Amino acid sequence: KNETMYFNDLLSIWLEKQKQARALSTYVKYRHLADRY
């Protein structure tokens, strides 16, 4: 547990996992929604 971790830090980690596990088109869609909303 990291007491000072920010939500967006975890968001970046999550996106990196999706980049490795998902098709490029799916990752690009997730990245767009994450960055925009």
PDB file of all heavy atoms in Angstrom:
ATOM      1  N   LYS A   1       0.824  -1.197   0.000  1.00  0.00           N
ATOM      2  CA  LYS A   1       0.000   0.000   0.000  1.00  0.00           C
ATOM      3  C   LYS A   1       0.861   1.250   0.000  1.00  0.00           C
ATOM      4  O   LYS A   1       1.811   1.373   0.771  1.00  0.00           O
ATOM      5  CB  LYS A   1      -0.932   0.001   1.212  1.00  0.00           C
ATOM      6  CG  LYS A   1      -1.952   1.121   1.192  1.00  0.00           C
ATOM      7  CD  LYS A   1      -2.954   0.954   2.318  1.00  0.00           C
ATOM      8  CE  LYS A   1      -4.025   2.027   2.262  1.00  0.00           C
ATOM      9  NZ  LYS A   1      -5.030   1.850   3.331  1.00  0.00           N
ATOM     10  N   ASN A   2       0.510   2.162  -0.897  1.00  0.00           N
ATOM     11  CA  ASN A   2       1.190   3.460  -0.984  1.00  0.00           C
ATOM     12  C   ASN A   2       0.212   4.515  -0.509  1.00  0.00           C
ATOM     13  O   ASN A   2      -0.770   4.810  -1.185  1.00  0.00           O
ATOM     14  CB  ASN A   2       1.627   3.720  -2.430  1.00  0.00           C
ATOM     15  CG  ASN A   2       2.431   5.000  -2.569  1.00  0.00           C
ATOM     16  OD1 ASN A   2       2.408   5.863  -1.698  1.00  0.00           O
ATOM     17  ND2 ASN A   2       3.157   5.124  -3.681  1.00  0.00           N
ATOM     18  N   GLU A   3       0.480   5.098   0.650  1.00  0.00           N
ATOM     19  CA  GLU A   3      -0.454   6.041   1.269  1.00  0.00           C
ATOM     20  C   GLU A   3      -0.651   7.302   0.433  1.00  0.00           C
ATOM     21  O   GLU A   3      -1.659   7.991   0.557  1.00  0.00           O
ATOM     22  CB  GLU A   3       0.032   6.412   2.674  1.00  0.00           C
ATOM     23  CG  GLU A   3       0.097   5.249   3.647  1.00  0.00           C
ATOM     24  CD  GLU A   3      -1.273   4.742   4.047  1.00  0.00           C
ATOM     25  OE1 GLU A   3      -2.271   5.418   3.744  1.00  0.00           O
ATOM     26  OE2 GLU A   3      -1.343   3.654   4.646  1.00  0.00           O
ATOM     27  N   THR A   4       0.320   7.621  -0.400  1.00  0.00           N
ATOM     28  CA  THR A   4       0.248   8.883  -1.150  1.00  0.00           C
ATOM     29  C   THR A   4      -0.041   8.669  -2.637  1.00  0.00           C
ATOM     30  O   THR A   4       0.091   9.600  -3.421  1.00  0.00           O
ATOM     31  CB  THR A   4       1.566   9.662  -0.999  1.00  0.00           C
ATOM     32  OG1 THR A   4       2.645   8.866  -1.528  1.00  0.00           O
ATOM     33  CG2 THR A   4       1.826  10.009   0.458  1.00  0.00           C
ATOM     34  N   MET A   5      -0.397   7.446  -3.026  1.00  0.00           N
ATOM     35  CA  MET A   5      -0.654   7.203  -4.455  1.00  0.00           C
ATOM     36  C   MET A   5      -1.910   7.949  -4.900  1.00  0.00           C
ATOM     37  O   MET A   5      -2.926   7.945  -4.207  1.00  0.00           O
ATOM     38  CB  MET A   5      -0.802   5.702  -4.730  1.00  0.00           C
ATOM     39  CG  MET A   5      -1.150   5.412  -6.201  1.00  0.00           C
ATOM     40  SD  MET A   5      -1.161   3.647  -6.610  1.00  0.00           S
ATOM     41  CE  MET A   5       0.591   3.391  -6.905  1.00  0.00           C
ATOM     42  N   TYR A   6      -1.781   8.582  -6.036  1.00  0.00           N
ATOM     43  CA  TYR A   6      -2.921   9.306  -6.607  1.00  0.00           C
ATOM     44  C   TYR A   6      -3.700   8.385  -7.549  1.00  0.00           C
ATOM     45  O   TYR A   6      -3.156   7.417  -8.095  1.00  0.00           O
ATOM     46  CB  TYR A   6      -2.429  10.542  -7.372  1.00  0.00           C
ATOM     47  CG  TYR A   6      -1.952  11.644  -6.456  1.00  0.00           C
ATOM     48  CD1 TYR A   6      -0.627  11.677  -6.010  1.00  0.00           C
ATOM     49  CD2 TYR A   6      -2.825  12.636  -6.025  1.00  0.00           C
ATOM     50  CE1 TYR A   6      -0.189  12.683  -5.163  1.00  0.00           C
ATOM     51  CE2 TYR A   6      -2.392  13.658  -5.181  1.00  0.00           C
ATOM     52  CZ  TYR A   6      -1.075  13.667  -4.748  1.00  0.00           C
ATOM     53  OH  TYR A   6      -0.645  14.656  -3.896  1.00  0.00           O
ATOM     54  N   PHE A   7      -4.969   8.714  -7.714  1.00  0.00           N
ATOM     55  CA  PHE A   7      -5.822   7.909  -8.598  1.00  0.00           C
ATOM     56  C   PHE A   7      -5.222   7.832  -9.993  1.00  0.00           C
ATOM     57  O   PHE A   7      -5.187   6.760 -10.605  1.00  0.00           O
ATOM     58  CB  PHE A   7      -7.227   8.520  -8.653  1.00  0.00           C
ATOM     59  CG  PHE A   7      -8.206   7.689  -9.433  1.00  0.00           C
ATOM     60  CD1 PHE A   7      -9.027   6.774  -8.797  1.00  0.00           C
ATOM     61  CD2 PHE A   7      -8.305   7.801 -10.819  1.00  0.00           C
ATOM     62  CE1 PHE A   7      -9.920   5.992  -9.514  1.00  0.00           C
ATOM     63  CE2 PHE A   7      -9.196   7.026 -11.545  1.00  0.00           C
ATOM     64  CZ  PHE A   7     -10.004   6.113 -10.891  1.00  0.00           C
ATOM     65  N   ASN A   8      -4.728   8.953 -10.507  1.00  0.00           N
ATOM     66  CA  ASN A   8      -4.192   8.963 -11.865  1.00  0.00           C
ATOM     67  C   ASN A   8      -2.891   8.177 -11.994  1.00  0.00           C
ATOM     68  O   ASN A   8      -2.532   7.736 -13.091  1.00  0.00           O
ATOM     69  CB  ASN A   8      -4.003  10.394 -12.361  1.00  0.00           C
ATOM     70  CG  ASN A   8      -5.326  11.025 -12.790  1.00  0.00           C
ATOM     71  OD1 ASN A   8      -6.339  10.349 -12.897  1.00  0.00           O
ATOM     72  ND2 ASN A   8      -5.319  12.333 -13.023  1.00  0.00           N
ATOM     73  N   ASP A   9      -2.161   7.997 -10.884  1.00  0.00           N
ATOM     74  CA  ASP A   9      -0.981   7.127 -10.922  1.00  0.00           C
ATOM     75  C   ASP A   9      -1.417   5.687 -11.197  1.00  0.00           C
ATOM     76  O   ASP A   9      -0.807   4.985 -12.017  1.00  0.00           O
ATOM     77  CB  ASP A   9      -0.226   7.193  -9.594  1.00  0.00           C
ATOM     78  CG  ASP A   9       0.398   8.554  -9.344  1.00  0.00           C
ATOM     79  OD1 ASP A   9       0.648   9.265 -10.333  1.00  0.00           O
ATOM     80  OD2 ASP A   9       0.623   8.895  -8.168  1.00  0.00           O
ATOM     81  N   LEU A  10      -2.466   5.262 -10.491  1.00  0.00           N
ATOM     82  CA  LEU A  10      -2.988   3.912 -10.710  1.00  0.00           C
ATOM     83  C   LEU A  10      -3.607   3.796 -12.096  1.00  0.00           C
ATOM     84  O   LEU A  10      -3.529   2.743 -12.733  1.00  0.00           O
ATOM     85  CB  LEU A  10      -4.019   3.568  -9.633  1.00  0.00           C
ATOM     86  CG  LEU A  10      -4.483   2.109  -9.616  1.00  0.00           C
ATOM     87  CD1 LEU A  10      -3.316   1.178  -9.303  1.00  0.00           C
ATOM     88  CD2 LEU A  10      -5.605   1.905  -8.609  1.00  0.00           C
ATOM     89  N   LEU A  11      -4.224   4.874 -12.573  1.00  0.00           N
ATOM     90  CA  LEU A  11      -4.790   4.886 -13.922  1.00  0.00           C
ATOM     91  C   LEU A  11      -3.696   4.610 -14.955  1.00  0.00           C
ATOM     92  O   LEU A  11      -3.898   3.834 -15.900  1.00  0.00           O
ATOM     93  CB  LEU A  11      -5.464   6.236 -14.201  1.00  0.00           C
ATOM     94  CG  LEU A  11      -5.931   6.498 -15.640  1.00  0.00           C
ATOM     95  CD1 LEU A  11      -6.927   5.439 -16.084  1.00  0.00           C
ATOM     96  CD2 LEU A  11      -6.543   7.896 -15.746  1.00  0.00           C
ATOM     97  N   SER A  12      -2.524   5.218 -14.785  1.00  0.00           N
ATOM     98  CA  SER A  12      -1.409   5.000 -15.713  1.00  0.00           C
ATOM     99  C   SER A  12      -0.945   3.547 -15.678  1.00  0.00           C
ATOM    100  O   SER A  12      -0.652   2.949 -16.730  1.00  0.00           O
ATOM    101  CB  SER A  12      -0.246   5.928 -15.363  1.00  0.00           C
ATOM    102  OG  SER A  12      -0.620   7.277 -15.505  1.00  0.00           O
ATOM    103  N   ILE A  13      -0.880   2.970 -14.487  1.00  0.00           N
ATOM    104  CA  ILE A  13      -0.497   1.562 -14.354  1.00  0.00           C
ATOM    105  C   ILE A  13      -1.526   0.666 -15.039  1.00  0.00           C
ATOM    106  O   ILE A  13      -1.181  -0.284 -15.758  1.00  0.00           O
ATOM    107  CB  ILE A  13      -0.358   1.185 -12.863  1.00  0.00           C
ATOM    108  CG1 ILE A  13       0.778   1.985 -12.221  1.00  0.00           C
ATOM    109  CG2 ILE A  13      -0.151  -0.310 -12.696  1.00  0.00           C
ATOM    110  CD1 ILE A  13       0.869   1.822 -10.716  1.00  0.00           C
ATOM    111  N   TRP A  14      -2.810   0.979 -14.804  1.00  0.00           N
ATOM    112  CA  TRP A  14      -3.881   0.189 -15.409  1.00  0.00           C
ATOM    113  C   TRP A  14      -3.808   0.259 -16.934  1.00  0.00           C
ATOM    114  O   TRP A  14      -3.953  -0.758 -17.626  1.00  0.00           O
ATOM    115  CB  TRP A  14      -5.232   0.693 -14.902  1.00  0.00           C
ATOM    116  CG  TRP A  14      -6.403  -0.070 -15.431  1.00  0.00           C
ATOM    117  CD1 TRP A  14      -6.933  -1.210 -14.927  1.00  0.00           C
ATOM    118  CD2 TRP A  14      -7.182   0.258 -16.600  1.00  0.00           C
ATOM    119  NE1 TRP A  14      -7.992  -1.627 -15.691  1.00  0.00           N
ATOM    120  CE2 TRP A  14      -8.173  -0.736 -16.730  1.00  0.00           C
ATOM    121  CE3 TRP A  14      -7.138   1.290 -17.519  1.00  0.00           C
ATOM    122  CZ2 TRP A  14      -9.104  -0.731 -17.752  1.00  0.00           C
ATOM    123  CZ3 TRP A  14      -8.063   1.299 -18.554  1.00  0.00           C
ATOM    124  CH2 TRP A  14      -9.040   0.307 -18.669  1.00  0.00           C
ATOM    125  N   LEU A  15      -3.580   1.455 -17.480  1.00  0.00           N
ATOM    126  CA  LEU A  15      -3.497   1.617 -18.929  1.00  0.00           C
ATOM    127  C   LEU A  15      -2.331   0.829 -19.509  1.00  0.00           C
ATOM    128  O   LEU A  15      -2.440   0.248 -20.601  1.00  0.00           O
ATOM    129  CB  LEU A  15      -3.355   3.099 -19.295  1.00  0.00           C
ATOM    130  CG  LEU A  15      -4.627   3.942 -19.236  1.00  0.00           C
ATOM    131  CD1 LEU A  15      -4.307   5.422 -19.398  1.00  0.00           C
ATOM    132  CD2 LEU A  15      -5.630   3.501 -20.314  1.00  0.00           C
ATOM    133  N   GLU A  16      -1.231   0.795 -18.802  1.00  0.00           N
ATOM    134  CA  GLU A  16      -0.074   0.042 -19.285  1.00  0.00           C
ATOM    135  C   GLU A  16      -0.388  -1.452 -19.342  1.00  0.00           C
ATOM    136  O   GLU A  16       0.007  -2.155 -20.285  1.00  0.00           O
ATOM    137  CB  GLU A  16       1.129   0.291 -18.373  1.00  0.00           C
ATOM    138  CG  GLU A  16       2.437  -0.268 -18.904  1.00  0.00           C
ATOM    139  CD  GLU A  16       2.840   0.322 -20.249  1.00  0.00           C
ATOM    140  OE1 GLU A  16       2.531   1.514 -20.510  1.00  0.00           O
ATOM    141  OE2 GLU A  16       3.449  -0.416 -21.054  1.00  0.00           O
ATOM    142  N   LYS A  17      -1.133  -1.941 -18.360  1.00  0.00           N
ATOM    143  CA  LYS A  17      -1.553  -3.342 -18.372  1.00  0.00           C
ATOM    144  C   LYS A  17      -2.474  -3.622 -19.559  1.00  0.00           C
ATOM    145  O   LYS A  17      -2.377  -4.680 -20.205  1.00  0.00           O
ATOM    146  CB  LYS A  17      -2.269  -3.694 -17.061  1.00  0.00           C
ATOM    147  CG  LYS A  17      -1.347  -3.796 -15.841  1.00  0.00           C
ATOM    148  CD  LYS A  17      -2.157  -4.125 -14.604  1.00  0.00           C
ATOM    149  CE  LYS A  17      -1.245  -4.320 -13.399  1.00  0.00           C
ATOM    150  NZ  LYS A  17      -0.443  -5.571 -13.518  1.00  0.00           N
ATOM    151  N   GLN A  18      -3.386  -2.667 -19.864  1.00  0.00           N
ATOM    152  CA  GLN A  18      -4.296  -2.839 -20.996  1.00  0.00           C
ATOM    153  C   GLN A  18      -3.534  -2.822 -22.315  1.00  0.00           C
ATOM    154  O   GLN A  18      -3.885  -3.544 -23.253  1.00  0.00           O
ATOM    155  CB  GLN A  18      -5.373  -1.747 -20.994  1.00  0.00           C
ATOM    156  CG  GLN A  18      -6.192  -1.663 -19.722  1.00  0.00           C
ATOM    157  CD  GLN A  18      -6.763  -3.003 -19.309  1.00  0.00           C
ATOM    158  OE1 GLN A  18      -7.405  -3.695 -20.096  1.00  0.00           O
ATOM    159  NE2 GLN A  18      -6.504  -3.386 -18.057  1.00  0.00           N
ATOM    160  N   LYS A  19      -2.485  -2.031 -22.381  1.00  0.00           N
ATOM    161  CA  LYS A  19      -1.675  -1.942 -23.599  1.00  0.00           C
ATOM    162  C   LYS A  19      -1.034  -3.283 -23.916  1.00  0.00           C
ATOM    163  O   LYS A  19      -0.886  -3.657 -25.091  1.00  0.00           O
ATOM    164  CB  LYS A  19      -0.605  -0.866 -23.425  1.00  0.00           C
ATOM    165  CG  LYS A  19       0.199  -0.575 -24.675  1.00  0.00           C
ATOM    166  CD  LYS A  19       1.180   0.566 -24.424  1.00  0.00           C
ATOM    167  CE  LYS A  19       1.957   0.903 -25.684  1.00  0.00           C
ATOM    168  NZ  LYS A  19       2.918   2.015 -25.452  1.00  0.00           N
ATOM    169  N   GLN A  20      -0.656  -4.013 -22.864  1.00  0.00           N
ATOM    170  CA  GLN A  20      -0.012  -5.306 -23.054  1.00  0.00           C
ATOM    171  C   GLN A  20      -1.028  -6.415 -23.331  1.00  0.00           C
ATOM    172  O   GLN A  20      -0.704  -7.394 -24.028  1.00  0.00           O
ATOM    173  CB  GLN A  20       0.798  -5.661 -21.788  1.00  0.00           C
ATOM    174  CG  GLN A  20       1.867  -4.658 -21.406  1.00  0.00           C
ATOM    175  CD  GLN A  20       2.898  -4.448 -22.496  1.00  0.00           C
ATOM    176  OE1 GLN A  20       3.281  -5.402 -23.189  1.00  0.00           O
ATOM    177  NE2 GLN A  20       3.348  -3.204 -22.665  1.00  0.00           N
ATOM    178  N   ALA A  21      -2.243  -6.256 -22.804  1.00  0.00           N
ATOM    179  CA  ALA A  21      -3.209  -7.357 -22.865  1.00  0.00           C
ATOM    180  C   ALA A  21      -4.262  -7.209 -23.958  1.00  0.00           C
ATOM    181  O   ALA A  21      -4.873  -8.213 -24.362  1.00  0.00           O
ATOM    182  CB  ALA A  21      -3.909  -7.494 -21.511  1.00  0.00           C
ATOM    183  N   ARG A  22      -4.471  -6.000 -24.430  1.00  0.00           N
ATOM    184  CA  ARG A  22      -5.572  -5.759 -25.372  1.00  0.00           C
ATOM    185  C   ARG A  22      -5.063  -5.490 -26.779  1.00  0.00           C
ATOM    186  O   ARG A  22      -3.896  -5.178 -26.998  1.00  0.00           O
ATOM    187  CB  ARG A  22      -6.398  -4.548 -24.915  1.00  0.00           C
ATOM    188  CG  ARG A  22      -6.914  -4.642 -23.495  1.00  0.00           C
ATOM    189  CD  ARG A  22      -8.135  -5.515 -23.391  1.00  0.00           C
ATOM    190  NE  ARG A  22      -8.674  -5.536 -22.046  1.00  0.00           N
ATOM    191  CZ  ARG A  22      -9.779  -6.168 -21.691  1.00  0.00           C
ATOM    192  NH1 ARG A  22     -10.477  -6.833 -22.602  1.00  0.00           N
ATOM    193  NH2 ARG A  22     -10.198  -6.170 -20.435  1.00  0.00           N
ATOM    194  N   ALA A  23      -5.999  -5.590 -27.731  1.00  0.00           N
ATOM    195  CA  ALA A  23      -5.689  -5.186 -29.101  1.00  0.00           C
ATOM    196  C   ALA A  23      -5.425  -3.685 -29.134  1.00  0.00           C
ATOM    197  O   ALA A  23      -5.928  -2.931 -28.290  1.00  0.00           O
ATOM    198  CB  ALA A  23      -6.848  -5.540 -30.025  1.00  0.00           C
ATOM    199  N   LEU A  24      -4.632  -3.245 -30.105  1.00  0.00           N
ATOM    200  CA  LEU A  24      -4.250  -1.838 -30.170  1.00  0.00           C
ATOM    201  C   LEU A  24      -5.473  -0.932 -30.250  1.00  0.00           C
ATOM    202  O   LEU A  24      -5.532   0.112 -29.588  1.00  0.00           O
ATOM    203  CB  LEU A  24      -3.343  -1.595 -31.377  1.00  0.00           C
ATOM    204  CG  LEU A  24      -2.882  -0.146 -31.599  1.00  0.00           C
ATOM    205  CD1 LEU A  24      -2.094   0.356 -30.390  1.00  0.00           C
ATOM    206  CD2 LEU A  24      -2.062  -0.035 -32.884  1.00  0.00           C
ATOM    207  N   SER A  25      -6.474  -1.328 -31.040  1.00  0.00           N
ATOM    208  CA  SER A  25      -7.667  -0.489 -31.197  1.00  0.00           C
ATOM    209  C   SER A  25      -8.413  -0.336 -29.880  1.00  0.00           C
ATOM    210  O   SER A  25      -8.933   0.744 -29.570  1.00  0.00           O
ATOM    211  CB  SER A  25      -8.595  -1.092 -32.252  1.00  0.00           C
ATOM    212  OG  SER A  25      -8.981  -2.416 -31.891  1.00  0.00           O
ATOM    213  N   THR A  26      -8.451  -1.422 -29.086  1.00  0.00           N
ATOM    214  CA  THR A  26      -9.119  -1.360 -27.783  1.00  0.00           C
ATOM    215  C   THR A  26      -8.342  -0.464 -26.833  1.00  0.00           C
ATOM    216  O   THR A  26      -8.928   0.355 -26.119  1.00  0.00           O
ATOM    217  CB  THR A  26      -9.254  -2.767 -27.180  1.00  0.00           C
ATOM    218  OG1 THR A  26      -9.985  -3.595 -28.086  1.00  0.00           O
ATOM    219  CG2 THR A  26      -9.970  -2.717 -25.835  1.00  0.00           C
ATOM    220  N   TYR A  27      -7.040  -0.604 -26.844  1.00  0.00           N
ATOM    221  CA  TYR A  27      -6.204   0.234 -25.966  1.00  0.00           C
ATOM    222  C   TYR A  27      -6.357   1.711 -26.316  1.00  0.00           C
ATOM    223  O   TYR A  27      -6.486   2.565 -25.427  1.00  0.00           O
ATOM    224  CB  TYR A  27      -4.735  -0.173 -26.076  1.00  0.00           C
ATOM    225  CG  TYR A  27      -3.803   0.836 -25.448  1.00  0.00           C
ATOM    226  CD1 TYR A  27      -3.694   0.950 -24.064  1.00  0.00           C
ATOM    227  CD2 TYR A  27      -3.050   1.709 -26.242  1.00  0.00           C
ATOM    228  CE1 TYR A  27      -2.855   1.889 -23.477  1.00  0.00           C
ATOM    229  CE2 TYR A  27      -2.216   2.654 -25.673  1.00  0.00           C
ATOM    230  CZ  TYR A  27      -2.129   2.739 -24.291  1.00  0.00           C
ATOM    231  OH  TYR A  27      -1.306   3.682 -23.721  1.00  0.00           O
ATOM    232  N   VAL A  28      -6.374   2.028 -27.600  1.00  0.00           N
ATOM    233  CA  VAL A  28      -6.511   3.428 -28.038  1.00  0.00           C
ATOM    234  C   VAL A  28      -7.856   3.989 -27.573  1.00  0.00           C
ATOM    235  O   VAL A  28      -7.936   5.138 -27.121  1.00  0.00           O
ATOM    236  CB  VAL A  28      -6.377   3.535 -29.571  1.00  0.00           C
ATOM    237  CG1 VAL A  28      -6.772   4.926 -30.049  1.00  0.00           C
ATOM    238  CG2 VAL A  28      -4.954   3.214 -29.992  1.00  0.00           C
ATOM    239  N   LYS A  29      -8.889   3.180 -27.653  1.00  0.00           N
ATOM    240  CA  LYS A  29     -10.213   3.613 -27.186  1.00  0.00           C
ATOM    241  C   LYS A  29     -10.183   3.887 -25.682  1.00  0.00           C
ATOM    242  O   LYS A  29     -10.663   4.933 -25.217  1.00  0.00           O
ATOM    243  CB  LYS A  29     -11.260   2.554 -27.506  1.00  0.00           C
ATOM    244  CG  LYS A  29     -12.649   2.865 -26.961  1.00  0.00           C
ATOM    245  CD  LYS A  29     -13.618   1.726 -27.236  1.00  0.00           C
ATOM    246  CE  LYS A  29     -14.989   2.018 -26.635  1.00  0.00           C
ATOM    247  NZ  LYS A  29     -15.937   0.895 -26.863  1.00  0.00           N
ATOM    248  N   TYR A  30      -9.611   2.948 -24.903  1.00  0.00           N
ATOM    249  CA  TYR A  30      -9.524   3.123 -23.457  1.00  0.00           C
ATOM    250  C   TYR A  30      -8.696   4.359 -23.108  1.00  0.00           C
ATOM    251  O   TYR A  30      -9.050   5.117 -22.199  1.00  0.00           O
ATOM    252  CB  TYR A  30      -8.899   1.887 -22.805  1.00  0.00           C
ATOM    253  CG  TYR A  30      -9.774   0.660 -22.785  1.00  0.00           C
ATOM    254  CD1 TYR A  30      -9.295  -0.553 -22.288  1.00  0.00           C
ATOM    255  CD2 TYR A  30     -11.088   0.693 -23.272  1.00  0.00           C
ATOM    256  CE1 TYR A  30     -10.098  -1.690 -22.256  1.00  0.00           C
ATOM    257  CE2 TYR A  30     -11.889  -0.434 -23.247  1.00  0.00           C
ATOM    258  CZ  TYR A  30     -11.384  -1.625 -22.742  1.00  0.00           C
ATOM    259  OH  TYR A  30     -12.180  -2.747 -22.712  1.00  0.00           O
ATOM    260  N   ARG A  31      -7.607   4.545 -23.818  1.00  0.00           N
ATOM    261  CA  ARG A  31      -6.724   5.681 -23.554  1.00  0.00           C
ATOM    262  C   ARG A  31      -7.457   7.003 -23.802  1.00  0.00           C
ATOM    263  O   ARG A  31      -7.338   7.956 -23.027  1.00  0.00           O
ATOM    264  CB  ARG A  31      -5.488   5.599 -24.460  1.00  0.00           C
ATOM    265  CG  ARG A  31      -4.495   6.726 -24.252  1.00  0.00           C
ATOM    266  CD  ARG A  31      -3.593   6.405 -23.099  1.00  0.00           C
ATOM    267  NE  ARG A  31      -2.913   7.558 -22.597  1.00  0.00           N
ATOM    268  CZ  ARG A  31      -1.773   7.492 -21.921  1.00  0.00           C
ATOM    269  NH1 ARG A  31      -1.196   6.323 -21.707  1.00  0.00           N
ATOM    270  NH2 ARG A  31      -1.198   8.574 -21.460  1.00  0.00           N
ATOM    271  N   HIS A  32      -8.226   7.035 -24.888  1.00  0.00           N
ATOM    272  CA  HIS A  32      -8.978   8.254 -25.211  1.00  0.00           C
ATOM    273  C   HIS A  32     -10.000   8.575 -24.121  1.00  0.00           C
ATOM    274  O   HIS A  32     -10.102   9.725 -23.672  1.00  0.00           O
ATOM    275  CB  HIS A  32      -9.697   8.078 -26.550  1.00  0.00           C
ATOM    276  CG  HIS A  32     -10.696   9.155 -26.849  1.00  0.00           C
ATOM    277  ND1 HIS A  32     -10.338  10.435 -27.195  1.00  0.00           N
ATOM    278  CD2 HIS A  32     -12.064   9.121 -26.813  1.00  0.00           C
ATOM    279  CE1 HIS A  32     -11.422  11.160 -27.373  1.00  0.00           C
ATOM    280  NE2 HIS A  32     -12.487  10.391 -27.150  1.00  0.00           N
ATOM    281  N   LEU A  33     -10.746   7.567 -23.693  1.00  0.00           N
ATOM    282  CA  LEU A  33     -11.757   7.789 -22.650  1.00  0.00           C
ATOM    283  C   LEU A  33     -11.108   8.201 -21.329  1.00  0.00           C
ATOM    284  O   LEU A  33     -11.626   9.070 -20.615  1.00  0.00           O
ATOM    285  CB  LEU A  33     -12.593   6.519 -22.452  1.00  0.00           C
ATOM    286  CG  LEU A  33     -13.477   6.099 -23.636  1.00  0.00           C
ATOM    287  CD1 LEU A  33     -14.173   4.777 -23.340  1.00  0.00           C
ATOM    288  CD2 LEU A  33     -14.493   7.176 -23.970  1.00  0.00           C
ATOM    289  N   ALA A  34      -9.959   7.582 -21.022  1.00  0.00           N
ATOM    290  CA  ALA A  34      -9.256   7.921 -19.779  1.00  0.00           C
ATOM    291  C   ALA A  34      -8.742   9.355 -19.819  1.00  0.00           C
ATOM    292  O   ALA A  34      -8.906  10.115 -18.847  1.00  0.00           O
ATOM    293  CB  ALA A  34      -8.101   6.948 -19.554  1.00  0.00           C
ATOM    294  N   ASP A  35      -8.136   9.736 -20.938  1.00  0.00           N
ATOM    295  CA  ASP A  35      -7.563  11.092 -21.041  1.00  0.00           C
ATOM    296  C   ASP A  35      -8.649  12.162 -21.091  1.00  0.00           C
ATOM    297  O   ASP A  35      -8.459  13.271 -20.573  1.00  0.00           O
ATOM    298  CB  ASP A  35      -6.688  11.202 -22.290  1.00  0.00           C
ATOM    299  CG  ASP A  35      -5.407  10.390 -22.173  1.00  0.00           C
ATOM    300  OD1 ASP A  35      -5.074   9.988 -21.048  1.00  0.00           O
ATOM    301  OD2 ASP A  35      -4.751  10.159 -23.215  1.00  0.00           O
ATOM    302  N   ARG A  36      -9.779  11.824 -21.702  1.00  0.00           N
ATOM    303  CA  ARG A  36     -10.826  12.828 -21.928  1.00  0.00           C
ATOM    304  C   ARG A  36     -11.744  12.986 -20.721  1.00  0.00           C
ATOM    305  O   ARG A  36     -12.159  14.110 -20.396  1.00  0.00           O
ATOM    306  CB  ARG A  36     -11.639  12.416 -23.160  1.00  0.00           C
ATOM    307  CG  ARG A  36     -12.734  13.396 -23.567  1.00  0.00           C
ATOM    308  CD  ARG A  36     -12.193  14.552 -24.355  1.00  0.00           C
ATOM    309  NE  ARG A  36     -13.238  15.477 -24.718  1.00  0.00           N
ATOM    310  CZ  ARG A  36     -13.948  15.396 -25.845  1.00  0.00           C
ATOM    311  NH1 ARG A  36     -13.713  14.414 -26.701  1.00  0.00           N
ATOM    312  NH2 ARG A  36     -14.869  16.286 -26.115  1.00  0.00           N
ATOM    313  N   TYR A  37     -12.083  11.881 -20.055  1.00  0.00           N
ATOM    314  CA  TYR A  37     -13.133  11.958 -19.044  1.00  0.00           C
ATOM    315  C   TYR A  37     -12.703  11.538 -17.638  1.00  0.00           C
ATOM    316  O   TYR A  37     -13.233  12.070 -16.665  1.00  0.00           O
ATOM    317  CB  TYR A  37     -14.324  11.077 -19.476  1.00  0.00           C
ATOM    318  CG  TYR A  37     -14.884  11.447 -20.818  1.00  0.00           C
ATOM    319  CD1 TYR A  37     -14.631  10.652 -21.940  1.00  0.00           C
ATOM    320  CD2 TYR A  37     -15.626  12.609 -20.986  1.00  0.00           C
ATOM    321  CE1 TYR A  37     -15.136  10.999 -23.190  1.00  0.00           C
ATOM    322  CE2 TYR A  37     -16.132  12.967 -22.224  1.00  0.00           C
ATOM    323  CZ  TYR A  37     -15.877  12.156 -23.326  1.00  0.00           C
ATOM    324  OH  TYR A  37     -16.364  12.512 -24.546  1.00  0.00           O
TER     325      TYR A  37
END
